[in-house]
Every structure is written in C-alpha cells, then in structure tokens.
Amino acid sequence: MRLSKFLLFVIPLFYFSCKTQKISTSSSEKTQVDSLIVELPKIDTVIIEEVQDSVEIFAHRLLKDTIIITAVGDMMLGTNYPNDSYLPPNEGKNQLAQIDSLLAGGDILFGNLEGVILNEGGIHKNCNNPKTCYIFRSPEYMLTRIKEAGFN
C-alpha cells in the first residue's frame, strides 16, 4: 500500500520534470533593446595616497580598570546585653554620621562584624561580676544601620 502511494507520487513527478521546453529562435522578429554607448576618457594620471601606519581611535572603556575596596576592622555598634542601656540613642541612626564620607565612594565596603545579631538570647560567659561579663550581641535593627552605611 505504501509503495503504491509512493509510486503514484514519484512517477508523475519524474514525468513532468523530464519534459523539455520548446525554445523558439526567430530572426524575423525585431527586438528593441535599450543601449547606450559611452566613451570613457583616458586616464593619464594616477594619484596614490600614502597609507598611514597608525590610526588614532577615541573610545571610552566600558569597564573600570580600578576598583576601590574599603575595609574596616571590628564593628560593634552597641549591645543589648545585659540590658538596653549599652545601646546608642535613637537606635544608632546617627552613630556612623561622622564617618559616612570615609565609607562612601568605594566599590566594595566590608567590615568585621564583632558579634551576633540577636534581639535576645545567646550564651554568656559565666563570671562573678555581671558588669564585666558580656555577649557580643546587637539587636536586629543594627543590620539596617550597617546597610544604610553602605556595607555590602
């Protein structure tokens, strides 16, 4: 069945592809052709320009060739252990204002966060005098202060 469908398609295709076309050539008919005869002047001089061995190109770099990295040491913006009296006023919103200009302008800014970010909890050192015992623990809103200062 498949073979007969195939042959039914191929045989007419083969037949029509082999058909020749009749080409008539008659010299009795006049054919009108558009043509124009142009005389070109003789070239008696050739000017050769000197090829430059260098070209000055002005382009702006897409990528910077220098990055500025700013790093700071231990960062402890305040602790809420043993109580909130060790925290800066106004949730530390103005605490980094005096050094903002030193931190700004770089491509990368990082620091060593000295402690953990916890509102409460953590294990403190056991000691006799609670005023000398501490946990390097800052409240969670201090992360906002660090981000506002531009730390990556």
N, C-alpha and C. Protein backbone atom coordinates (compact mmCIF):
# COMPACT_ATOMS: atom_id res chain seq x y z
N MET A 1 0.83 -1.20 0.00
CA MET A 1 0.00 0.00 0.00
C MET A 1 0.87 1.27 0.00
N ARG A 2 1.90 1.24 0.84
CA ARG A 2 2.78 2.40 0.90
C ARG A 2 3.56 2.58 -0.39
N LEU A 3 3.98 1.48 -0.95
CA LEU A 3 4.76 1.53 -2.18
C LEU A 3 3.93 2.10 -3.32
N SER A 4 2.67 1.72 -3.38
CA SER A 4 1.83 2.23 -4.47
C SER A 4 1.58 3.73 -4.32
N LYS A 5 1.43 4.21 -3.10
CA LYS A 5 1.26 5.66 -2.89
C LYS A 5 2.54 6.40 -3.28
N PHE A 6 3.65 5.79 -2.92
CA PHE A 6 4.93 6.40 -3.24
C PHE A 6 5.12 6.49 -4.76
N LEU A 7 4.84 5.39 -5.46
CA LEU A 7 5.00 5.38 -6.91
C LEU A 7 4.00 6.32 -7.58
N LEU A 8 2.81 6.40 -7.01
CA LEU A 8 1.79 7.31 -7.54
C LEU A 8 2.27 8.76 -7.46
N PHE A 9 3.06 9.07 -6.50
CA PHE A 9 3.59 10.42 -6.34
C PHE A 9 4.85 10.63 -7.18
N VAL A 10 5.74 9.65 -7.20
CA VAL A 10 7.05 9.81 -7.84
C VAL A 10 6.96 9.76 -9.37
N ILE A 11 6.14 8.89 -9.93
CA ILE A 11 6.09 8.74 -11.39
C ILE A 11 5.64 10.03 -12.08
N PRO A 12 4.53 10.67 -11.66
CA PRO A 12 4.17 11.95 -12.32
C PRO A 12 5.24 13.02 -12.11
N LEU A 13 5.85 13.02 -10.94
CA LEU A 13 6.90 13.99 -10.67
C LEU A 13 8.06 13.78 -11.64
N PHE A 14 8.46 12.56 -11.83
CA PHE A 14 9.53 12.24 -12.76
C PHE A 14 9.15 12.61 -14.19
N TYR A 15 7.94 12.30 -14.58
CA TYR A 15 7.47 12.59 -15.94
C TYR A 15 7.51 14.08 -16.24
N PHE A 16 6.98 14.90 -15.34
CA PHE A 16 6.94 16.35 -15.60
C PHE A 16 8.31 17.01 -15.46
N SER A 17 9.17 16.42 -14.68
CA SER A 17 10.49 17.02 -14.54
C SER A 17 11.36 16.77 -15.77
N CYS A 18 11.05 15.75 -16.54
CA CYS A 18 11.82 15.44 -17.74
C CYS A 18 11.26 16.11 -18.99
N LYS A 19 10.19 16.77 -18.88
CA LYS A 19 9.56 17.42 -20.05
C LYS A 19 10.45 18.57 -20.51
N THR A 20 10.71 18.64 -21.80
CA THR A 20 11.55 19.69 -22.35
C THR A 20 10.71 20.89 -22.74
N GLN A 21 11.34 22.01 -22.74
CA GLN A 21 10.64 23.22 -23.15
C GLN A 21 11.00 23.53 -24.59
N LYS A 22 10.07 24.07 -25.28
CA LYS A 22 10.28 24.43 -26.68
C LYS A 22 10.82 25.86 -26.72
N ILE A 23 11.99 25.98 -27.31
CA ILE A 23 12.62 27.30 -27.42
C ILE A 23 12.51 27.73 -28.87
N SER A 24 11.98 28.90 -29.05
CA SER A 24 11.85 29.39 -30.43
C SER A 24 12.89 30.46 -30.68
N THR A 25 13.55 30.34 -31.78
CA THR A 25 14.51 31.36 -32.20
C THR A 25 14.09 31.81 -33.59
N SER A 26 13.72 33.02 -33.65
CA SER A 26 13.27 33.55 -34.94
C SER A 26 14.04 34.83 -35.20
N SER A 27 14.64 34.90 -36.32
CA SER A 27 15.39 36.10 -36.67
C SER A 27 14.53 37.11 -37.41
N SER A 28 13.31 36.72 -37.70
CA SER A 28 12.45 37.65 -38.45
C SER A 28 11.87 38.74 -37.56
N GLU A 29 11.77 38.44 -36.26
CA GLU A 29 11.20 39.46 -35.38
C GLU A 29 12.29 40.44 -34.98
N LYS A 30 11.92 41.70 -34.90
CA LYS A 30 12.86 42.72 -34.47
C LYS A 30 12.68 42.92 -32.97
N THR A 31 13.77 42.94 -32.29
CA THR A 31 13.74 43.14 -30.85
C THR A 31 14.33 44.50 -30.55
N GLN A 32 13.64 45.23 -29.70
CA GLN A 32 14.11 46.57 -29.35
C GLN A 32 14.89 46.45 -28.04
N VAL A 33 16.09 46.95 -28.09
CA VAL A 33 16.96 46.86 -26.92
C VAL A 33 17.38 48.27 -26.54
N ASP A 34 17.35 48.53 -25.24
CA ASP A 34 17.84 49.83 -24.77
C ASP A 34 19.34 49.70 -24.55
N SER A 35 20.08 50.56 -25.20
CA SER A 35 21.52 50.54 -25.02
C SER A 35 22.05 51.95 -25.16
N LEU A 36 23.19 52.14 -24.57
CA LEU A 36 23.82 53.45 -24.60
C LEU A 36 25.32 53.23 -24.74
N ILE A 37 25.89 53.90 -25.66
CA ILE A 37 27.33 53.78 -25.86
C ILE A 37 27.97 54.97 -25.17
N VAL A 38 28.91 54.66 -24.32
CA VAL A 38 29.59 55.70 -23.54
C VAL A 38 31.08 55.58 -23.79
N GLU A 39 31.68 56.72 -24.06
CA GLU A 39 33.13 56.74 -24.22
C GLU A 39 33.75 57.22 -22.92
N LEU A 40 34.67 56.44 -22.40
CA LEU A 40 35.35 56.81 -21.17
C LEU A 40 36.63 57.54 -21.52
N PRO A 41 36.92 58.59 -20.78
CA PRO A 41 38.16 59.32 -21.06
C PRO A 41 39.37 58.48 -20.66
N LYS A 42 40.47 58.74 -21.31
CA LYS A 42 41.70 58.05 -20.98
C LYS A 42 42.23 58.57 -19.65
N ILE A 43 42.73 57.67 -18.85
CA ILE A 43 43.32 58.07 -17.57
C ILE A 43 44.82 58.15 -17.77
N ASP A 44 45.33 59.36 -17.60
CA ASP A 44 46.77 59.52 -17.77
C ASP A 44 47.48 59.82 -16.46
N THR A 45 46.72 60.01 -15.37
CA THR A 45 47.32 60.32 -14.07
C THR A 45 46.70 59.41 -13.01
N VAL A 46 47.52 58.85 -12.18
CA VAL A 46 47.04 58.04 -11.06
C VAL A 46 47.58 58.66 -9.78
N ILE A 47 46.68 58.96 -8.85
CA ILE A 47 47.08 59.54 -7.57
C ILE A 47 47.05 58.44 -6.52
N ILE A 48 48.16 58.23 -5.89
CA ILE A 48 48.24 57.22 -4.84
C ILE A 48 48.44 57.95 -3.52
N GLU A 49 47.50 57.71 -2.59
CA GLU A 49 47.62 58.33 -1.27
C GLU A 49 48.49 57.46 -0.38
N GLU A 50 49.23 58.12 0.46
CA GLU A 50 50.09 57.39 1.38
C GLU A 50 49.23 56.74 2.47
N VAL A 51 49.49 55.50 2.73
CA VAL A 51 48.75 54.75 3.75
C VAL A 51 49.37 55.02 5.11
N GLN A 52 48.51 55.37 6.07
CA GLN A 52 49.01 55.65 7.41
C GLN A 52 49.34 54.34 8.11
N ASP A 53 50.40 54.38 8.92
CA ASP A 53 50.77 53.17 9.65
C ASP A 53 50.10 53.09 11.01
N SER A 54 49.40 54.13 11.42
CA SER A 54 48.66 54.09 12.68
C SER A 54 47.43 54.99 12.58
N VAL A 55 46.46 54.66 13.37
CA VAL A 55 45.21 55.42 13.40
C VAL A 55 44.89 55.72 14.85
N GLU A 56 44.49 56.92 15.13
CA GLU A 56 44.12 57.29 16.50
C GLU A 56 42.62 57.08 16.69
N ILE A 57 42.29 56.25 17.66
CA ILE A 57 40.89 55.93 17.93
C ILE A 57 40.55 56.40 19.34
N PHE A 58 39.45 57.10 19.46
CA PHE A 58 38.99 57.56 20.76
C PHE A 58 37.82 56.68 21.19
N ALA A 59 37.98 56.00 22.31
CA ALA A 59 36.92 55.13 22.81
C ALA A 59 36.91 55.20 24.33
N HIS A 60 35.75 55.03 24.90
CA HIS A 60 35.63 55.01 26.35
C HIS A 60 35.57 53.57 26.81
N ARG A 61 36.26 53.29 27.88
CA ARG A 61 36.23 51.93 28.43
C ARG A 61 34.86 51.64 29.01
N LEU A 62 34.36 50.46 28.75
CA LEU A 62 33.08 50.06 29.31
C LEU A 62 33.24 49.58 30.75
N LEU A 63 34.38 49.00 31.04
CA LEU A 63 34.63 48.51 32.38
C LEU A 63 35.73 49.34 33.03
N LYS A 64 35.56 49.57 34.31
CA LYS A 64 36.59 50.31 35.03
C LYS A 64 37.83 49.44 35.16
N ASP A 65 38.99 50.06 35.12
CA ASP A 65 40.22 49.29 35.29
C ASP A 65 40.70 49.30 36.73
N THR A 66 39.98 50.00 37.60
CA THR A 66 40.34 50.08 39.01
C THR A 66 39.08 49.97 39.85
N ILE A 67 39.16 49.22 40.93
CA ILE A 67 38.06 49.20 41.89
C ILE A 67 38.60 49.70 43.23
N ILE A 68 37.71 50.30 43.99
CA ILE A 68 38.08 50.83 45.30
C ILE A 68 37.45 49.93 46.36
N ILE A 69 38.29 49.35 47.19
CA ILE A 69 37.84 48.49 48.28
C ILE A 69 38.09 49.22 49.59
N THR A 70 37.05 49.36 50.39
CA THR A 70 37.16 49.98 51.70
C THR A 70 36.84 48.91 52.74
N ALA A 71 37.71 48.77 53.72
CA ALA A 71 37.51 47.76 54.76
C ALA A 71 37.70 48.40 56.12
N VAL A 72 36.92 47.94 57.07
CA VAL A 72 37.06 48.41 58.45
C VAL A 72 37.25 47.20 59.35
N GLY A 73 37.78 47.44 60.53
CA GLY A 73 38.03 46.36 61.48
C GLY A 73 36.77 45.98 62.24
N ASP A 74 36.96 45.61 63.48
CA ASP A 74 35.86 45.12 64.31
C ASP A 74 34.74 46.15 64.42
N MET A 75 33.53 45.70 64.15
CA MET A 75 32.35 46.57 64.23
C MET A 75 31.45 46.06 65.35
N MET A 76 31.23 46.92 66.33
CA MET A 76 30.29 46.61 67.42
C MET A 76 29.54 47.90 67.68
N LEU A 77 28.37 48.02 67.10
CA LEU A 77 27.62 49.28 67.17
C LEU A 77 26.85 49.45 68.48
N GLY A 78 26.83 48.45 69.29
CA GLY A 78 26.13 48.51 70.58
C GLY A 78 25.66 47.12 70.96
N THR A 79 25.46 46.93 72.24
CA THR A 79 24.99 45.63 72.70
C THR A 79 23.75 45.78 73.56
N ASN A 80 22.89 44.80 73.50
CA ASN A 80 21.70 44.81 74.34
C ASN A 80 21.84 43.80 75.49
N TYR A 81 23.08 43.44 75.81
CA TYR A 81 23.33 42.56 76.94
C TYR A 81 24.16 43.31 77.97
N PRO A 82 23.89 43.30 79.19
CA PRO A 82 22.79 42.63 79.87
C PRO A 82 21.46 43.37 79.77
N ASN A 83 21.52 44.65 79.29
CA ASN A 83 20.27 45.39 79.09
C ASN A 83 20.47 46.43 77.99
N ASP A 84 19.42 47.14 77.66
CA ASP A 84 19.46 48.11 76.55
C ASP A 84 20.23 49.39 76.86
N SER A 85 20.73 49.55 78.07
CA SER A 85 21.45 50.78 78.41
C SER A 85 22.78 50.90 77.66
N TYR A 86 23.26 49.82 77.08
CA TYR A 86 24.52 49.85 76.33
C TYR A 86 24.31 50.18 74.84
N LEU A 87 23.08 50.47 74.48
CA LEU A 87 22.78 50.78 73.07
C LEU A 87 22.85 52.28 72.83
N PRO A 88 23.23 52.71 71.63
CA PRO A 88 23.27 54.15 71.32
C PRO A 88 21.85 54.72 71.24
N PRO A 89 21.73 56.04 71.45
CA PRO A 89 20.40 56.66 71.36
C PRO A 89 19.85 56.61 69.93
N ASN A 90 18.55 56.73 69.80
CA ASN A 90 17.86 56.81 68.51
C ASN A 90 18.16 55.58 67.63
N GLU A 91 18.28 54.43 68.27
CA GLU A 91 18.58 53.17 67.58
C GLU A 91 19.83 53.25 66.70
N GLY A 92 20.77 54.11 67.05
CA GLY A 92 22.03 54.22 66.33
C GLY A 92 21.94 54.88 64.97
N LYS A 93 20.84 55.62 64.72
CA LYS A 93 20.64 56.22 63.39
C LYS A 93 21.71 57.25 63.04
N ASN A 94 22.28 57.92 64.02
CA ASN A 94 23.30 58.96 63.75
C ASN A 94 24.70 58.49 64.13
N GLN A 95 24.83 57.25 64.51
CA GLN A 95 26.09 56.75 65.05
C GLN A 95 27.23 56.78 64.03
N LEU A 96 26.96 56.53 62.78
CA LEU A 96 28.01 56.49 61.76
C LEU A 96 28.09 57.78 60.92
N ALA A 97 27.36 58.81 61.33
CA ALA A 97 27.30 60.05 60.54
C ALA A 97 28.67 60.70 60.36
N GLN A 98 29.53 60.64 61.37
CA GLN A 98 30.83 61.30 61.28
C GLN A 98 31.80 60.60 60.33
N ILE A 99 31.56 59.35 60.02
CA ILE A 99 32.47 58.64 59.12
C ILE A 99 31.82 58.26 57.79
N ASP A 100 30.60 58.73 57.55
CA ASP A 100 29.91 58.42 56.28
C ASP A 100 30.75 58.78 55.06
N SER A 101 31.42 59.93 55.10
CA SER A 101 32.21 60.36 53.94
C SER A 101 33.41 59.44 53.71
N LEU A 102 33.92 58.83 54.77
CA LEU A 102 35.05 57.90 54.61
C LEU A 102 34.59 56.56 54.03
N LEU A 103 33.35 56.19 54.34
CA LEU A 103 32.84 54.91 53.86
C LEU A 103 32.28 54.99 52.44
N ALA A 104 31.85 56.18 52.05
CA ALA A 104 31.20 56.34 50.74
C ALA A 104 32.23 56.42 49.62
N GLY A 105 31.78 56.13 48.41
CA GLY A 105 32.61 56.34 47.23
C GLY A 105 33.36 55.12 46.74
N GLY A 106 33.41 54.07 47.51
CA GLY A 106 34.11 52.87 47.07
C GLY A 106 33.18 51.92 46.32
N ASP A 107 33.79 50.93 45.71
CA ASP A 107 33.01 49.91 45.00
C ASP A 107 32.59 48.78 45.94
N ILE A 108 33.47 48.45 46.88
CA ILE A 108 33.21 47.39 47.84
C ILE A 108 33.51 47.93 49.23
N LEU A 109 32.59 47.69 50.16
CA LEU A 109 32.78 48.11 51.55
C LEU A 109 32.46 46.92 52.44
N PHE A 110 33.44 46.53 53.24
CA PHE A 110 33.18 45.42 54.17
C PHE A 110 33.86 45.67 55.50
N GLY A 111 33.37 44.97 56.50
CA GLY A 111 33.92 45.09 57.85
C GLY A 111 33.76 43.79 58.60
N ASN A 112 34.45 43.69 59.71
CA ASN A 112 34.39 42.50 60.56
C ASN A 112 33.34 42.74 61.64
N LEU A 113 32.19 42.13 61.47
CA LEU A 113 31.11 42.28 62.44
C LEU A 113 31.48 41.49 63.69
N GLU A 114 31.74 42.20 64.76
CA GLU A 114 32.22 41.59 66.00
C GLU A 114 31.04 41.21 66.87
N GLY A 115 30.44 40.09 66.59
CA GLY A 115 29.33 39.63 67.40
C GLY A 115 28.22 39.06 66.55
N VAL A 116 27.10 38.83 67.20
CA VAL A 116 25.94 38.26 66.53
C VAL A 116 24.81 39.27 66.53
N ILE A 117 23.86 39.06 65.65
CA ILE A 117 22.67 39.90 65.58
C ILE A 117 21.52 39.10 66.17
N LEU A 118 21.15 39.45 67.38
CA LEU A 118 20.04 38.80 68.09
C LEU A 118 19.34 39.84 68.96
N ASN A 119 18.05 39.78 68.99
CA ASN A 119 17.31 40.66 69.90
C ASN A 119 17.42 40.16 71.34
N GLU A 120 17.51 38.86 71.52
CA GLU A 120 17.66 38.27 72.86
C GLU A 120 18.26 36.89 72.72
N GLY A 121 18.72 36.36 73.85
CA GLY A 121 19.27 35.01 73.85
C GLY A 121 20.77 35.00 73.68
N GLY A 122 21.29 33.83 73.44
CA GLY A 122 22.73 33.65 73.34
C GLY A 122 23.30 33.19 74.67
N ILE A 123 24.46 32.60 74.62
CA ILE A 123 25.09 32.08 75.85
C ILE A 123 26.18 33.05 76.28
N HIS A 124 26.06 33.54 77.51
CA HIS A 124 27.07 34.48 78.01
C HIS A 124 28.11 33.72 78.83
N LYS A 125 29.22 34.38 79.03
CA LYS A 125 30.32 33.81 79.80
C LYS A 125 29.92 33.80 81.28
N ASN A 126 30.23 32.74 81.98
CA ASN A 126 29.94 32.68 83.42
C ASN A 126 31.05 33.39 84.18
N CYS A 127 30.66 34.39 84.94
CA CYS A 127 31.65 35.10 85.75
C CYS A 127 30.95 35.67 86.98
N ASN A 128 31.75 36.09 87.96
CA ASN A 128 31.20 36.58 89.23
C ASN A 128 30.63 37.98 89.11
N ASN A 129 31.23 38.84 88.30
CA ASN A 129 30.78 40.23 88.19
C ASN A 129 30.05 40.41 86.86
N PRO A 130 28.72 40.57 86.85
CA PRO A 130 27.97 40.72 85.60
C PRO A 130 28.35 41.97 84.81
N LYS A 131 28.98 42.96 85.47
CA LYS A 131 29.38 44.17 84.73
C LYS A 131 30.59 43.90 83.84
N THR A 132 31.34 42.86 84.12
CA THR A 132 32.50 42.54 83.29
C THR A 132 32.21 41.37 82.34
N CYS A 133 31.05 40.76 82.48
CA CYS A 133 30.65 39.68 81.57
C CYS A 133 29.80 40.28 80.46
N TYR A 134 29.96 39.77 79.30
CA TYR A 134 29.21 40.34 78.18
C TYR A 134 29.02 39.29 77.09
N ILE A 135 28.09 39.62 76.19
CA ILE A 135 27.89 38.87 74.96
C ILE A 135 28.00 39.89 73.84
N PHE A 136 28.77 39.57 72.83
CA PHE A 136 28.81 40.46 71.66
C PHE A 136 27.53 40.23 70.87
N ARG A 137 26.48 40.89 71.31
CA ARG A 137 25.16 40.70 70.71
C ARG A 137 24.55 42.08 70.44
N SER A 138 24.15 42.30 69.20
CA SER A 138 23.50 43.56 68.81
C SER A 138 22.07 43.26 68.38
N PRO A 139 21.16 44.19 68.63
CA PRO A 139 19.78 43.96 68.19
C PRO A 139 19.68 43.95 66.66
N GLU A 140 18.62 43.36 66.17
CA GLU A 140 18.45 43.16 64.73
C GLU A 140 18.38 44.46 63.94
N TYR A 141 17.92 45.55 64.54
CA TYR A 141 17.84 46.81 63.79
C TYR A 141 19.22 47.37 63.45
N MET A 142 20.26 46.86 64.10
CA MET A 142 21.62 47.32 63.77
C MET A 142 22.02 46.89 62.35
N LEU A 143 21.43 45.83 61.85
CA LEU A 143 21.70 45.45 60.45
C LEU A 143 21.26 46.54 59.49
N THR A 144 20.15 47.20 59.82
CA THR A 144 19.68 48.32 58.98
C THR A 144 20.70 49.44 59.00
N ARG A 145 21.29 49.74 60.17
CA ARG A 145 22.31 50.80 60.25
C ARG A 145 23.54 50.43 59.41
N ILE A 146 23.91 49.18 59.45
CA ILE A 146 25.08 48.73 58.68
C ILE A 146 24.80 48.83 57.18
N LYS A 147 23.62 48.44 56.76
CA LYS A 147 23.24 48.52 55.34
C LYS A 147 23.15 49.99 54.90
N GLU A 148 22.59 50.84 55.75
CA GLU A 148 22.49 52.28 55.42
C GLU A 148 23.87 52.91 55.24
N ALA A 149 24.86 52.40 55.96
CA ALA A 149 26.22 52.94 55.84
C ALA A 149 26.89 52.49 54.54
N GLY A 150 26.28 51.54 53.82
CA GLY A 150 26.80 51.13 52.52
C GLY A 150 27.57 49.82 52.53
N PHE A 151 27.54 49.11 53.62
CA PHE A 151 28.26 47.84 53.67
C PHE A 151 27.58 46.83 52.76
N ASN A 152 28.42 46.10 52.02
CA ASN A 152 27.91 45.06 51.12
C ASN A 152 27.66 43.80 51.90
